[in-house]
Amino acid sequence: MNILMADDHPMFRIALRHVLTGHHEQFRITEVSSQGALEGAILSEEFDLALVDLMMPGATGFSSLVYLRCERPELPVIVISSAEDPRTLRRAQQFGAAAFVPKSASPERMNQVVDTVLHGGHWFPPQKAEPSEDDARLARRLAELTPQQLRVLLRIADGLLNKQIAADLSLSENTIKIHVSAILKKLKCNSRTQAALLVKTIALDGGSLRHEDT
């Protein structure tokens, strides 16, 4: 059983690997420490479960979760984070996580949640905030993007130009232009800047989508 573990703290990955393999001897764990490495791993190998931190180099808030849900919608994702406030828990659920485990959780809890998710279940701490229609609407819009369009969108949010995105993704600049046009149409944005601001709302402290109907 292949497990993807995405976290940029080596000591935490070591500890989590020890917890998981001590309870699940059949696990084969692949470790990554950035959004770029996560993208590379998910495109080159099949996984049964992903455990993902929300704060890694190259990631913006929930972008790693959104990317995985877009690229591999059948792959269950457990968010593991030190951000334990109710709004973060609720947003993780609305953006498609199968579970949310605080980094303060016990090894027993971690293994219990992993077992639950691998058997098709979900698990979230009880202190979730009320659902947000803004986040639900954003999740629906992002779900309309293809995986390649989402990759382009995340790079637009990083401020890259079409030429830079083309080089980064090994695509032609014209192909990137086509993707950008499709992205703006699907997200109902009038400009790259507006699309970039939309992505910023999936940051951990992201606000509501006030510009969406303007």
N, C-alpha and C. Protein backbone atom coordinates (compact mmCIF):
# COMPACT_ATOMS: atom_id res chain seq x y z
N MET A 1 0.85 -1.19 0.00
CA MET A 1 0.00 0.00 0.00
C MET A 1 0.88 1.23 0.00
N ASN A 2 0.72 2.08 -1.01
CA ASN A 2 1.57 3.25 -1.18
C ASN A 2 0.96 4.48 -0.51
N ILE A 3 1.76 5.12 0.32
CA ILE A 3 1.32 6.31 1.06
C ILE A 3 2.20 7.49 0.67
N LEU A 4 1.59 8.62 0.38
CA LEU A 4 2.33 9.85 0.11
C LEU A 4 2.29 10.73 1.35
N MET A 5 3.46 11.11 1.83
CA MET A 5 3.57 11.96 3.01
C MET A 5 4.21 13.28 2.59
N ALA A 6 3.48 14.39 2.73
CA ALA A 6 3.96 15.69 2.29
C ALA A 6 4.07 16.65 3.47
N ASP A 7 5.29 16.94 3.85
CA ASP A 7 5.55 17.85 4.97
C ASP A 7 6.99 18.33 4.86
N ASP A 8 7.23 19.60 5.14
CA ASP A 8 8.59 20.11 4.95
C ASP A 8 9.46 20.03 6.20
N HIS A 9 8.97 19.39 7.26
CA HIS A 9 9.78 19.23 8.47
C HIS A 9 10.30 17.80 8.58
N PRO A 10 11.60 17.58 8.36
CA PRO A 10 12.16 16.22 8.38
C PRO A 10 11.88 15.46 9.67
N MET A 11 11.99 16.13 10.81
CA MET A 11 11.78 15.44 12.07
C MET A 11 10.34 14.96 12.21
N PHE A 12 9.38 15.78 11.73
CA PHE A 12 7.99 15.34 11.81
C PHE A 12 7.76 14.16 10.88
N ARG A 13 8.36 14.18 9.70
CA ARG A 13 8.20 13.05 8.78
C ARG A 13 8.76 11.77 9.37
N ILE A 14 9.90 11.88 10.04
CA ILE A 14 10.50 10.71 10.68
C ILE A 14 9.57 10.15 11.75
N ALA A 15 9.03 11.06 12.56
CA ALA A 15 8.13 10.63 13.64
C ALA A 15 6.86 10.01 13.07
N LEU A 16 6.30 10.63 12.03
CA LEU A 16 5.06 10.12 11.44
C LEU A 16 5.30 8.78 10.77
N ARG A 17 6.43 8.64 10.10
CA ARG A 17 6.76 7.35 9.48
C ARG A 17 6.84 6.25 10.55
N HIS A 18 7.46 6.58 11.66
CA HIS A 18 7.59 5.60 12.75
C HIS A 18 6.21 5.21 13.28
N VAL A 19 5.33 6.19 13.45
CA VAL A 19 3.98 5.92 13.94
C VAL A 19 3.21 5.02 12.97
N LEU A 20 3.28 5.35 11.69
CA LEU A 20 2.50 4.62 10.70
C LEU A 20 3.02 3.21 10.46
N THR A 21 4.32 3.08 10.27
CA THR A 21 4.87 1.75 9.97
C THR A 21 4.85 0.84 11.18
N GLY A 22 4.80 1.42 12.39
CA GLY A 22 4.69 0.58 13.58
C GLY A 22 3.34 -0.08 13.69
N HIS A 23 2.35 0.51 13.05
CA HIS A 23 0.98 -0.01 13.10
C HIS A 23 0.55 -0.67 11.79
N HIS A 24 1.18 -0.22 10.68
CA HIS A 24 0.84 -0.73 9.35
C HIS A 24 2.13 -1.18 8.67
N GLU A 25 2.52 -2.41 8.88
CA GLU A 25 3.79 -2.89 8.34
C GLU A 25 3.80 -2.93 6.82
N GLN A 26 2.61 -2.96 6.20
CA GLN A 26 2.54 -3.08 4.75
C GLN A 26 2.69 -1.75 4.04
N PHE A 27 2.82 -0.64 4.77
CA PHE A 27 2.90 0.67 4.14
C PHE A 27 4.26 0.88 3.46
N ARG A 28 4.21 1.41 2.25
CA ARG A 28 5.40 1.91 1.56
C ARG A 28 5.22 3.42 1.45
N ILE A 29 6.07 4.18 2.11
CA ILE A 29 5.86 5.62 2.24
C ILE A 29 6.83 6.41 1.36
N THR A 30 6.27 7.32 0.57
CA THR A 30 7.06 8.26 -0.23
C THR A 30 6.95 9.62 0.43
N GLU A 31 8.09 10.24 0.72
CA GLU A 31 8.11 11.53 1.39
C GLU A 31 8.45 12.65 0.41
N VAL A 32 7.71 13.76 0.51
CA VAL A 32 8.01 14.97 -0.26
C VAL A 32 7.94 16.15 0.69
N SER A 33 8.63 17.25 0.31
CA SER A 33 8.70 18.38 1.24
C SER A 33 8.32 19.70 0.60
N SER A 34 7.71 19.68 -0.59
CA SER A 34 7.30 20.91 -1.25
C SER A 34 6.16 20.62 -2.21
N GLN A 35 5.50 21.69 -2.66
CA GLN A 35 4.42 21.54 -3.63
C GLN A 35 4.95 20.95 -4.94
N GLY A 36 6.11 21.42 -5.38
CA GLY A 36 6.69 20.91 -6.62
C GLY A 36 6.99 19.43 -6.53
N ALA A 37 7.56 19.00 -5.41
CA ALA A 37 7.87 17.57 -5.24
C ALA A 37 6.60 16.75 -5.16
N LEU A 38 5.55 17.31 -4.54
CA LEU A 38 4.26 16.62 -4.47
C LEU A 38 3.70 16.40 -5.88
N GLU A 39 3.76 17.44 -6.71
CA GLU A 39 3.26 17.32 -8.08
C GLU A 39 4.03 16.26 -8.84
N GLY A 40 5.36 16.25 -8.68
CA GLY A 40 6.17 15.25 -9.36
C GLY A 40 5.84 13.84 -8.93
N ALA A 41 5.64 13.65 -7.63
CA ALA A 41 5.34 12.31 -7.11
C ALA A 41 4.00 11.81 -7.59
N ILE A 42 3.00 12.68 -7.57
CA ILE A 42 1.64 12.25 -7.91
C ILE A 42 1.52 11.93 -9.39
N LEU A 43 2.38 12.52 -10.22
CA LEU A 43 2.34 12.25 -11.66
C LEU A 43 3.13 11.01 -12.04
N SER A 44 3.99 10.55 -11.16
CA SER A 44 4.86 9.42 -11.50
C SER A 44 4.50 8.13 -10.79
N GLU A 45 3.58 8.18 -9.83
CA GLU A 45 3.28 6.99 -9.05
C GLU A 45 1.83 7.01 -8.56
N GLU A 46 1.27 5.83 -8.37
CA GLU A 46 -0.08 5.70 -7.83
C GLU A 46 -0.01 5.55 -6.31
N PHE A 47 -0.92 6.23 -5.61
CA PHE A 47 -0.94 6.17 -4.15
C PHE A 47 -2.32 5.77 -3.67
N ASP A 48 -2.36 5.17 -2.49
CA ASP A 48 -3.61 4.76 -1.86
C ASP A 48 -4.11 5.80 -0.86
N LEU A 49 -3.20 6.65 -0.40
CA LEU A 49 -3.54 7.64 0.61
C LEU A 49 -2.49 8.73 0.61
N ALA A 50 -2.93 9.98 0.84
CA ALA A 50 -2.00 11.10 0.97
C ALA A 50 -2.19 11.76 2.32
N LEU A 51 -1.09 12.06 2.99
CA LEU A 51 -1.11 12.81 4.24
C LEU A 51 -0.36 14.11 3.98
N VAL A 52 -1.05 15.23 4.11
CA VAL A 52 -0.52 16.49 3.60
C VAL A 52 -0.58 17.59 4.65
N ASP A 53 0.56 18.26 4.82
CA ASP A 53 0.61 19.46 5.65
C ASP A 53 0.13 20.64 4.82
N LEU A 54 -0.40 21.66 5.45
CA LEU A 54 -0.92 22.82 4.73
C LEU A 54 0.15 23.87 4.44
N MET A 55 1.28 23.80 5.12
CA MET A 55 2.30 24.83 4.97
C MET A 55 3.60 24.20 4.49
N MET A 56 3.80 24.25 3.16
CA MET A 56 5.03 23.74 2.55
C MET A 56 5.53 24.76 1.53
N PRO A 57 6.82 24.74 1.21
CA PRO A 57 7.33 25.63 0.15
C PRO A 57 6.58 25.40 -1.16
N GLY A 58 6.15 26.50 -1.79
CA GLY A 58 5.44 26.40 -3.06
C GLY A 58 3.95 26.25 -2.93
N ALA A 59 3.46 26.07 -1.71
CA ALA A 59 2.01 25.89 -1.49
C ALA A 59 1.42 27.17 -0.92
N THR A 60 0.15 27.41 -1.26
CA THR A 60 -0.60 28.54 -0.71
C THR A 60 -1.79 27.99 0.04
N GLY A 61 -1.68 27.92 1.36
CA GLY A 61 -2.81 27.43 2.14
C GLY A 61 -3.27 26.05 1.72
N PHE A 62 -4.46 25.98 1.16
CA PHE A 62 -5.06 24.70 0.79
C PHE A 62 -4.73 24.28 -0.63
N SER A 63 -3.75 24.92 -1.27
CA SER A 63 -3.48 24.62 -2.68
C SER A 63 -3.04 23.18 -2.90
N SER A 64 -2.28 22.61 -1.97
CA SER A 64 -1.87 21.21 -2.13
C SER A 64 -3.07 20.28 -2.09
N LEU A 65 -3.99 20.55 -1.18
CA LEU A 65 -5.21 19.75 -1.09
C LEU A 65 -6.04 19.91 -2.35
N VAL A 66 -6.22 21.14 -2.80
CA VAL A 66 -7.01 21.40 -4.01
C VAL A 66 -6.38 20.71 -5.21
N TYR A 67 -5.05 20.79 -5.30
CA TYR A 67 -4.35 20.14 -6.42
C TYR A 67 -4.59 18.64 -6.42
N LEU A 68 -4.45 18.01 -5.28
CA LEU A 68 -4.65 16.56 -5.20
C LEU A 68 -6.08 16.17 -5.54
N ARG A 69 -7.05 16.95 -5.07
CA ARG A 69 -8.44 16.64 -5.38
C ARG A 69 -8.73 16.78 -6.87
N CYS A 70 -8.01 17.69 -7.52
CA CYS A 70 -8.18 17.90 -8.95
C CYS A 70 -7.45 16.83 -9.76
N GLU A 71 -6.23 16.55 -9.39
CA GLU A 71 -5.39 15.60 -10.13
C GLU A 71 -5.79 14.15 -9.89
N ARG A 72 -6.12 13.82 -8.64
CA ARG A 72 -6.48 12.45 -8.27
C ARG A 72 -7.72 12.47 -7.37
N PRO A 73 -8.89 12.73 -7.96
CA PRO A 73 -10.10 12.86 -7.13
C PRO A 73 -10.45 11.60 -6.34
N GLU A 74 -9.96 10.46 -6.80
CA GLU A 74 -10.24 9.21 -6.08
C GLU A 74 -9.30 8.98 -4.90
N LEU A 75 -8.26 9.78 -4.78
CA LEU A 75 -7.25 9.60 -3.73
C LEU A 75 -7.71 10.27 -2.44
N PRO A 76 -7.88 9.52 -1.35
CA PRO A 76 -8.26 10.16 -0.08
C PRO A 76 -7.08 10.95 0.50
N VAL A 77 -7.39 12.13 1.02
CA VAL A 77 -6.35 13.02 1.55
C VAL A 77 -6.65 13.32 3.01
N ILE A 78 -5.66 13.09 3.86
CA ILE A 78 -5.73 13.47 5.26
C ILE A 78 -4.87 14.71 5.45
N VAL A 79 -5.47 15.79 5.90
CA VAL A 79 -4.71 17.00 6.21
C VAL A 79 -4.17 16.87 7.62
N ILE A 80 -2.88 17.11 7.76
CA ILE A 80 -2.22 17.08 9.07
C ILE A 80 -1.59 18.45 9.28
N SER A 81 -2.05 19.19 10.28
CA SER A 81 -1.63 20.58 10.40
C SER A 81 -1.56 21.02 11.85
N SER A 82 -0.69 22.01 12.09
CA SER A 82 -0.62 22.63 13.42
C SER A 82 -1.66 23.73 13.56
N ALA A 83 -2.30 24.12 12.43
CA ALA A 83 -3.39 25.10 12.48
C ALA A 83 -4.67 24.35 12.83
N GLU A 84 -5.13 24.51 14.07
CA GLU A 84 -6.23 23.69 14.57
C GLU A 84 -7.50 24.50 14.84
N ASP A 85 -7.58 25.71 14.32
CA ASP A 85 -8.76 26.52 14.59
C ASP A 85 -9.96 25.98 13.81
N PRO A 86 -11.17 26.22 14.29
CA PRO A 86 -12.37 25.67 13.65
C PRO A 86 -12.52 26.05 12.19
N ARG A 87 -12.14 27.27 11.82
CA ARG A 87 -12.30 27.69 10.42
C ARG A 87 -11.39 26.88 9.50
N THR A 88 -10.17 26.59 9.93
CA THR A 88 -9.27 25.78 9.12
C THR A 88 -9.80 24.37 8.96
N LEU A 89 -10.36 23.81 10.04
CA LEU A 89 -10.94 22.47 9.95
C LEU A 89 -12.09 22.45 8.96
N ARG A 90 -12.96 23.44 9.05
CA ARG A 90 -14.12 23.49 8.16
C ARG A 90 -13.69 23.65 6.71
N ARG A 91 -12.71 24.53 6.46
CA ARG A 91 -12.26 24.76 5.08
C ARG A 91 -11.60 23.51 4.51
N ALA A 92 -10.84 22.79 5.33
CA ALA A 92 -10.23 21.54 4.85
C ALA A 92 -11.30 20.57 4.39
N GLN A 93 -12.37 20.49 5.14
CA GLN A 93 -13.48 19.59 4.76
C GLN A 93 -14.15 20.08 3.48
N GLN A 94 -14.40 21.38 3.38
CA GLN A 94 -15.08 21.90 2.19
C GLN A 94 -14.23 21.81 0.93
N PHE A 95 -12.91 21.84 1.08
CA PHE A 95 -12.04 21.71 -0.08
C PHE A 95 -11.71 20.26 -0.40
N GLY A 96 -12.33 19.31 0.30
CA GLY A 96 -12.26 17.93 -0.14
C GLY A 96 -11.42 16.96 0.67
N ALA A 97 -10.93 17.37 1.84
CA ALA A 97 -10.16 16.43 2.66
C ALA A 97 -11.07 15.32 3.20
N ALA A 98 -10.51 14.13 3.32
CA ALA A 98 -11.26 13.03 3.94
C ALA A 98 -11.16 13.08 5.45
N ALA A 99 -10.14 13.75 5.96
CA ALA A 99 -9.94 13.83 7.41
C ALA A 99 -9.00 14.98 7.72
N PHE A 100 -9.03 15.41 8.97
CA PHE A 100 -8.13 16.44 9.46
C PHE A 100 -7.60 15.98 10.81
N VAL A 101 -6.26 15.90 10.91
CA VAL A 101 -5.64 15.46 12.15
C VAL A 101 -4.69 16.55 12.64
N PRO A 102 -4.92 17.15 13.80
CA PRO A 102 -3.97 18.13 14.34
C PRO A 102 -2.62 17.46 14.61
N LYS A 103 -1.55 18.22 14.44
CA LYS A 103 -0.23 17.67 14.71
C LYS A 103 -0.04 17.34 16.20
N SER A 104 -0.92 17.85 17.03
CA SER A 104 -0.85 17.54 18.46
C SER A 104 -1.53 16.21 18.79
N ALA A 105 -2.11 15.55 17.80
CA ALA A 105 -2.84 14.31 18.05
C ALA A 105 -1.89 13.20 18.50
N SER A 106 -2.42 12.25 19.23
CA SER A 106 -1.62 11.12 19.72
C SER A 106 -1.37 10.14 18.58
N PRO A 107 -0.32 9.30 18.70
CA PRO A 107 -0.09 8.25 17.69
C PRO A 107 -1.30 7.34 17.53
N GLU A 108 -1.98 7.04 18.63
CA GLU A 108 -3.16 6.18 18.55
C GLU A 108 -4.26 6.83 17.71
N ARG A 109 -4.46 8.12 17.90
CA ARG A 109 -5.47 8.83 17.12
C ARG A 109 -5.08 8.85 15.64
N MET A 110 -3.81 9.11 15.36
CA MET A 110 -3.36 9.15 13.98
C MET A 110 -3.64 7.83 13.27
N ASN A 111 -3.28 6.73 13.90
CA ASN A 111 -3.51 5.43 13.28
C ASN A 111 -5.00 5.11 13.15
N GLN A 112 -5.78 5.54 14.13
CA GLN A 112 -7.22 5.34 14.06
C GLN A 112 -7.82 6.06 12.85
N VAL A 113 -7.38 7.30 12.63
CA VAL A 113 -7.90 8.08 11.51
C VAL A 113 -7.46 7.47 10.19
N VAL A 114 -6.22 7.05 10.10
CA VAL A 114 -5.72 6.41 8.87
C VAL A 114 -6.55 5.17 8.55
N ASP A 115 -6.80 4.34 9.56
CA ASP A 115 -7.61 3.15 9.35
C ASP A 115 -9.02 3.52 8.87
N THR A 116 -9.60 4.54 9.50
CA THR A 116 -10.95 4.98 9.12
C THR A 116 -11.01 5.41 7.66
N VAL A 117 -10.04 6.22 7.25
CA VAL A 117 -10.04 6.74 5.88
C VAL A 117 -9.76 5.63 4.87
N LEU A 118 -8.86 4.73 5.18
CA LEU A 118 -8.57 3.63 4.26
C LEU A 118 -9.76 2.70 4.07
N HIS A 119 -10.67 2.72 5.02
CA HIS A 119 -11.89 1.92 4.90
C HIS A 119 -13.06 2.74 4.36
N GLY A 120 -12.73 3.91 3.77
CA GLY A 120 -13.75 4.71 3.12
C GLY A 120 -14.46 5.72 4.00
N GLY A 121 -13.99 5.89 5.23
CA GLY A 121 -14.64 6.82 6.15
C GLY A 121 -14.01 8.20 6.17
N HIS A 122 -14.55 9.06 7.02
CA HIS A 122 -14.06 10.42 7.22
C HIS A 122 -13.91 10.68 8.71
N TRP A 123 -13.03 11.62 9.04
CA TRP A 123 -12.87 11.97 10.46
C TRP A 123 -12.41 13.42 10.58
N PHE A 124 -13.14 14.17 11.40
CA PHE A 124 -12.78 15.55 11.70
C PHE A 124 -13.03 15.81 13.18
N PRO A 125 -12.18 16.61 13.81
CA PRO A 125 -12.45 16.99 15.20
C PRO A 125 -13.81 17.66 15.30
N PRO A 126 -14.43 17.63 16.45
CA PRO A 126 -15.79 18.14 16.59
C PRO A 126 -15.93 19.65 16.49
N GLN A 127 -14.84 20.41 16.69
CA GLN A 127 -14.97 21.86 16.79
C GLN A 127 -14.90 22.56 15.44
N LYS A 128 -15.68 22.12 14.45
CA LYS A 128 -15.71 22.76 13.14
C LYS A 128 -16.61 24.00 13.17
N ALA A 129 -16.25 25.00 12.35
CA ALA A 129 -17.08 26.18 12.20
C ALA A 129 -18.22 25.88 11.23
N GLU A 130 -19.14 26.82 11.12
CA GLU A 130 -20.25 26.64 10.20
C GLU A 130 -19.75 26.67 8.75
N PRO A 131 -20.36 25.89 7.86
CA PRO A 131 -19.95 25.88 6.44
C PRO A 131 -20.05 27.27 5.83
N SER A 132 -19.18 27.54 4.86
CA SER A 132 -19.15 28.83 4.18
C SER A 132 -19.60 28.65 2.74
N GLU A 133 -20.58 29.41 2.32
CA GLU A 133 -21.03 29.34 0.93
C GLU A 133 -19.95 29.89 -0.01
N ASP A 134 -19.15 30.86 0.45
CA ASP A 134 -18.06 31.37 -0.36
C ASP A 134 -17.06 30.26 -0.68
N ASP A 135 -16.66 29.51 0.34
CA ASP A 135 -15.71 28.42 0.12
C ASP A 135 -16.32 27.31 -0.73
N ALA A 136 -17.58 27.03 -0.52
CA ALA A 136 -18.25 26.01 -1.33
C ALA A 136 -18.28 26.42 -2.79
N ARG A 137 -18.56 27.71 -3.04
CA ARG A 137 -18.60 28.22 -4.41
C ARG A 137 -17.22 28.18 -5.04
N LEU A 138 -16.20 28.55 -4.27
CA LEU A 138 -14.83 28.50 -4.78
C LEU A 138 -14.41 27.07 -5.08
N ALA A 139 -14.76 26.15 -4.21
CA ALA A 139 -14.41 24.74 -4.43
C ALA A 139 -15.06 24.23 -5.72
N ARG A 140 -16.29 24.62 -5.97
CA ARG A 140 -16.96 24.19 -7.20
C ARG A 140 -16.26 24.76 -8.43
N ARG A 141 -15.85 26.01 -8.36
CA ARG A 141 -15.16 26.62 -9.49
C ARG A 141 -13.82 25.95 -9.75
N LEU A 142 -13.05 25.73 -8.71
CA LEU A 142 -11.74 25.09 -8.87
C LEU A 142 -11.88 23.68 -9.40
N ALA A 143 -12.97 23.00 -9.03
CA ALA A 143 -13.19 21.63 -9.49
C ALA A 143 -13.44 21.57 -10.99
N GLU A 144 -13.81 22.69 -11.61
CA GLU A 144 -14.03 22.73 -13.05
C GLU A 144 -12.73 22.77 -13.84
N LEU A 145 -11.63 23.11 -13.17
CA LEU A 145 -10.34 23.20 -13.85
C LEU A 145 -9.75 21.81 -14.08
N THR A 146 -9.04 21.67 -15.19
CA THR A 146 -8.27 20.44 -15.40
C THR A 146 -7.02 20.52 -14.53
N PRO A 147 -6.35 19.40 -14.27
CA PRO A 147 -5.12 19.44 -13.48
C PRO A 147 -4.08 20.39 -14.07
N GLN A 148 -3.94 20.38 -15.40
CA GLN A 148 -2.96 21.28 -16.01
C GLN A 148 -3.35 22.74 -15.83
N GLN A 149 -4.63 23.04 -15.93
CA GLN A 149 -5.08 24.41 -15.70
C GLN A 149 -4.84 24.84 -14.27
N LEU A 150 -5.01 23.93 -13.33
CA LEU A 150 -4.75 24.27 -11.93
C LEU A 150 -3.26 24.55 -11.72
N ARG A 151 -2.40 23.77 -12.37
CA ARG A 151 -0.95 24.03 -12.27
C ARG A 151 -0.63 25.42 -12.79
N VAL A 152 -1.24 25.78 -13.90
CA VAL A 152 -1.01 27.11 -14.46
C VAL A 152 -1.54 28.18 -13.51
N LEU A 153 -2.72 27.97 -12.96
CA LEU A 153 -3.31 28.94 -12.05
C LEU A 153 -2.43 29.19 -10.83
N LEU A 154 -1.90 28.14 -10.25
CA LEU A 154 -1.05 28.30 -9.07
C LEU A 154 0.20 29.10 -9.40
N ARG A 155 0.69 28.97 -10.63
CA ARG A 155 1.87 29.73 -11.03
C ARG A 155 1.52 31.17 -11.37
N ILE A 156 0.32 31.38 -11.86
CA ILE A 156 -0.15 32.76 -12.04
C ILE A 156 -0.20 33.46 -10.68
N ALA A 157 -0.69 32.75 -9.68
CA ALA A 157 -0.76 33.31 -8.33
C ALA A 157 0.61 33.63 -7.76
N ASP A 158 1.64 32.91 -8.24
CA ASP A 158 3.02 33.18 -7.81
C ASP A 158 3.63 34.34 -8.57
N GLY A 159 2.88 34.91 -9.51
CA GLY A 159 3.36 36.06 -10.25
C GLY A 159 4.18 35.74 -11.49
N LEU A 160 4.16 34.48 -11.94
CA LEU A 160 4.94 34.11 -13.12
C LEU A 160 4.26 34.57 -14.40
N LEU A 161 5.06 34.95 -15.38
CA LEU A 161 4.57 35.31 -16.69
C LEU A 161 4.34 34.05 -17.52
N ASN A 162 3.60 34.19 -18.63
CA ASN A 162 3.32 33.03 -19.48
C ASN A 162 4.60 32.32 -19.92
N LYS A 163 5.61 33.09 -20.28
CA LYS A 163 6.87 32.52 -20.73
C LYS A 163 7.52 31.69 -19.62
N GLN A 164 7.47 32.19 -18.40
CA GLN A 164 8.05 31.47 -17.26
C GLN A 164 7.25 30.21 -16.94
N ILE A 165 5.92 30.31 -17.02
CA ILE A 165 5.07 29.14 -16.75
C ILE A 165 5.32 28.07 -17.80
N ALA A 166 5.46 28.50 -19.06
CA ALA A 166 5.72 27.55 -20.14
C ALA A 166 7.01 26.79 -19.90
N ALA A 167 8.05 27.51 -19.50
CA ALA A 167 9.33 26.85 -19.23
C ALA A 167 9.23 25.91 -18.05
N ASP A 168 8.50 26.32 -17.02
CA ASP A 168 8.37 25.52 -15.81
C ASP A 168 7.61 24.22 -16.08
N LEU A 169 6.60 24.29 -16.94
CA LEU A 169 5.75 23.12 -17.20
C LEU A 169 6.12 22.41 -18.50
N SER A 170 7.18 22.87 -19.17
CA SER A 170 7.63 22.27 -20.44
C SER A 170 6.53 22.28 -21.48
N LEU A 171 5.86 23.42 -21.60
CA LEU A 171 4.80 23.61 -22.59
C LEU A 171 5.13 24.84 -23.44
N SER A 172 4.44 24.98 -24.57
CA SER A 172 4.64 26.17 -25.39
C SER A 172 3.93 27.36 -24.77
N GLU A 173 4.42 28.55 -25.09
CA GLU A 173 3.80 29.76 -24.55
C GLU A 173 2.37 29.90 -25.07
N ASN A 174 2.12 29.46 -26.31
CA ASN A 174 0.77 29.54 -26.86
C ASN A 174 -0.19 28.62 -26.09
N THR A 175 0.30 27.46 -25.70
CA THR A 175 -0.52 26.54 -24.90
C THR A 175 -0.89 27.17 -23.57
N ILE A 176 0.06 27.86 -22.97
CA ILE A 176 -0.21 28.54 -21.70
C ILE A 176 -1.27 29.62 -21.89
N LYS A 177 -1.20 30.36 -22.98
CA LYS A 177 -2.19 31.40 -23.26
C LYS A 177 -3.59 30.79 -23.37
N ILE A 178 -3.68 29.64 -24.01
CA ILE A 178 -4.98 28.95 -24.15
C ILE A 178 -5.49 28.54 -22.77
N HIS A 179 -4.59 28.00 -21.95
CA HIS A 179 -4.98 27.60 -20.59
C HIS A 179 -5.44 28.80 -19.78
N VAL A 180 -4.73 29.92 -19.89
CA VAL A 180 -5.08 31.12 -19.11
C VAL A 180 -6.48 31.60 -19.51
N SER A 181 -6.78 31.61 -20.78
CA SER A 181 -8.11 32.03 -21.23
C SER A 181 -9.20 31.13 -20.67
N ALA A 182 -8.93 29.82 -20.69
CA ALA A 182 -9.92 28.87 -20.15
C ALA A 182 -10.08 29.04 -18.65
N ILE A 183 -8.99 29.30 -17.96
CA ILE A 183 -9.03 29.50 -16.50
C ILE A 183 -9.88 30.71 -16.15
N LEU A 184 -9.63 31.82 -16.83
CA LEU A 184 -10.37 33.04 -16.54
C LEU A 184 -11.86 32.84 -16.79
N LYS A 185 -12.19 32.12 -17.84
CA LYS A 185 -13.59 31.86 -18.15
C LYS A 185 -14.25 30.99 -17.09
N LYS A 186 -13.58 29.91 -16.69
CA LYS A 186 -14.16 28.99 -15.71
C LYS A 186 -14.29 29.63 -14.33
N LEU A 187 -13.33 30.48 -13.98
CA LEU A 187 -13.36 31.11 -12.67
C LEU A 187 -14.17 32.41 -12.67
N LYS A 188 -14.64 32.81 -13.84
CA LYS A 188 -15.41 34.05 -13.99
C LYS A 188 -14.61 35.26 -13.54
N CYS A 189 -13.35 35.26 -13.96
CA CYS A 189 -12.44 36.37 -13.64
C CYS A 189 -12.17 37.18 -14.90
N ASN A 190 -11.96 38.47 -14.73
CA ASN A 190 -11.72 39.35 -15.86
C ASN A 190 -10.24 39.54 -16.18
N SER A 191 -9.37 39.13 -15.27
CA SER A 191 -7.94 39.36 -15.47
C SER A 191 -7.12 38.34 -14.70
N ARG A 192 -5.84 38.26 -15.05
CA ARG A 192 -4.91 37.39 -14.32
C ARG A 192 -4.81 37.83 -12.87
N THR A 193 -4.83 39.13 -12.65
CA THR A 193 -4.74 39.64 -11.28
C THR A 193 -5.91 39.17 -10.45
N GLN A 194 -7.09 39.21 -11.02
CA GLN A 194 -8.28 38.76 -10.29
C GLN A 194 -8.19 37.27 -9.99
N ALA A 195 -7.68 36.48 -10.96
CA ALA A 195 -7.52 35.04 -10.74
C ALA A 195 -6.50 34.78 -9.64
N ALA A 196 -5.42 35.56 -9.64
CA ALA A 196 -4.40 35.40 -8.61
C ALA A 196 -4.96 35.72 -7.23
N LEU A 197 -5.76 36.78 -7.14
CA LEU A 197 -6.39 37.13 -5.87
C LEU A 197 -7.36 36.05 -5.41
N LEU A 198 -8.02 35.41 -6.36
CA LEU A 198 -8.93 34.33 -6.02
C LEU A 198 -8.17 33.18 -5.36
N VAL A 199 -7.00 32.86 -5.91
CA VAL A 199 -6.18 31.79 -5.32
C VAL A 199 -5.75 32.16 -3.91
N LYS A 200 -5.46 33.44 -3.70
CA LYS A 200 -5.01 33.88 -2.37
C LYS A 200 -6.07 33.61 -1.30
N THR A 201 -7.33 33.50 -1.70
CA THR A 201 -8.37 33.25 -0.70
C THR A 201 -8.31 31.83 -0.15
N ILE A 202 -7.52 30.93 -0.77
CA ILE A 202 -7.39 29.59 -0.20
C ILE A 202 -6.22 29.52 0.77
N ALA A 203 -5.59 30.67 1.03
CA ALA A 203 -4.57 30.71 2.08
C ALA A 203 -5.25 30.43 3.43
N LEU A 204 -4.46 30.08 4.42
CA LEU A 204 -5.04 29.72 5.71
C LEU A 204 -5.82 30.86 6.34
N ASP A 205 -5.44 32.09 6.02
CA ASP A 205 -6.17 33.24 6.56
C ASP A 205 -6.98 33.93 5.46
N GLY A 206 -7.32 33.17 4.41
CA GLY A 206 -8.03 33.74 3.26
C GLY A 206 -9.37 34.32 3.65
N GLY A 207 -9.75 35.37 2.99
CA GLY A 207 -11.03 36.00 3.26
C GLY A 207 -12.10 35.50 2.32
N SER A 208 -13.24 36.14 2.35
CA SER A 208 -14.35 35.74 1.49
C SER A 208 -14.17 36.31 0.09
N LEU A 209 -14.93 35.79 -0.87
CA LEU A 209 -14.79 36.17 -2.26
C LEU A 209 -15.70 37.36 -2.56
N ARG A 210 -15.30 38.54 -2.17
CA ARG A 210 -16.16 39.70 -2.29
C ARG A 210 -16.31 40.16 -3.74
N HIS A 211 -15.34 39.81 -4.62
CA HIS A 211 -15.36 40.33 -5.97
C HIS A 211 -16.13 39.43 -6.94
N GLU A 212 -16.65 38.31 -6.51
CA GLU A 212 -17.13 37.30 -7.44
C GLU A 212 -18.32 37.74 -8.27
N ASP A 213 -19.16 38.60 -7.78
CA ASP A 213 -20.35 38.99 -8.52
C ASP A 213 -20.22 40.40 -9.12
N THR A 214 -19.02 40.93 -9.10
CA THR A 214 -18.83 42.27 -9.62
C THR A 214 -18.38 42.22 -11.07
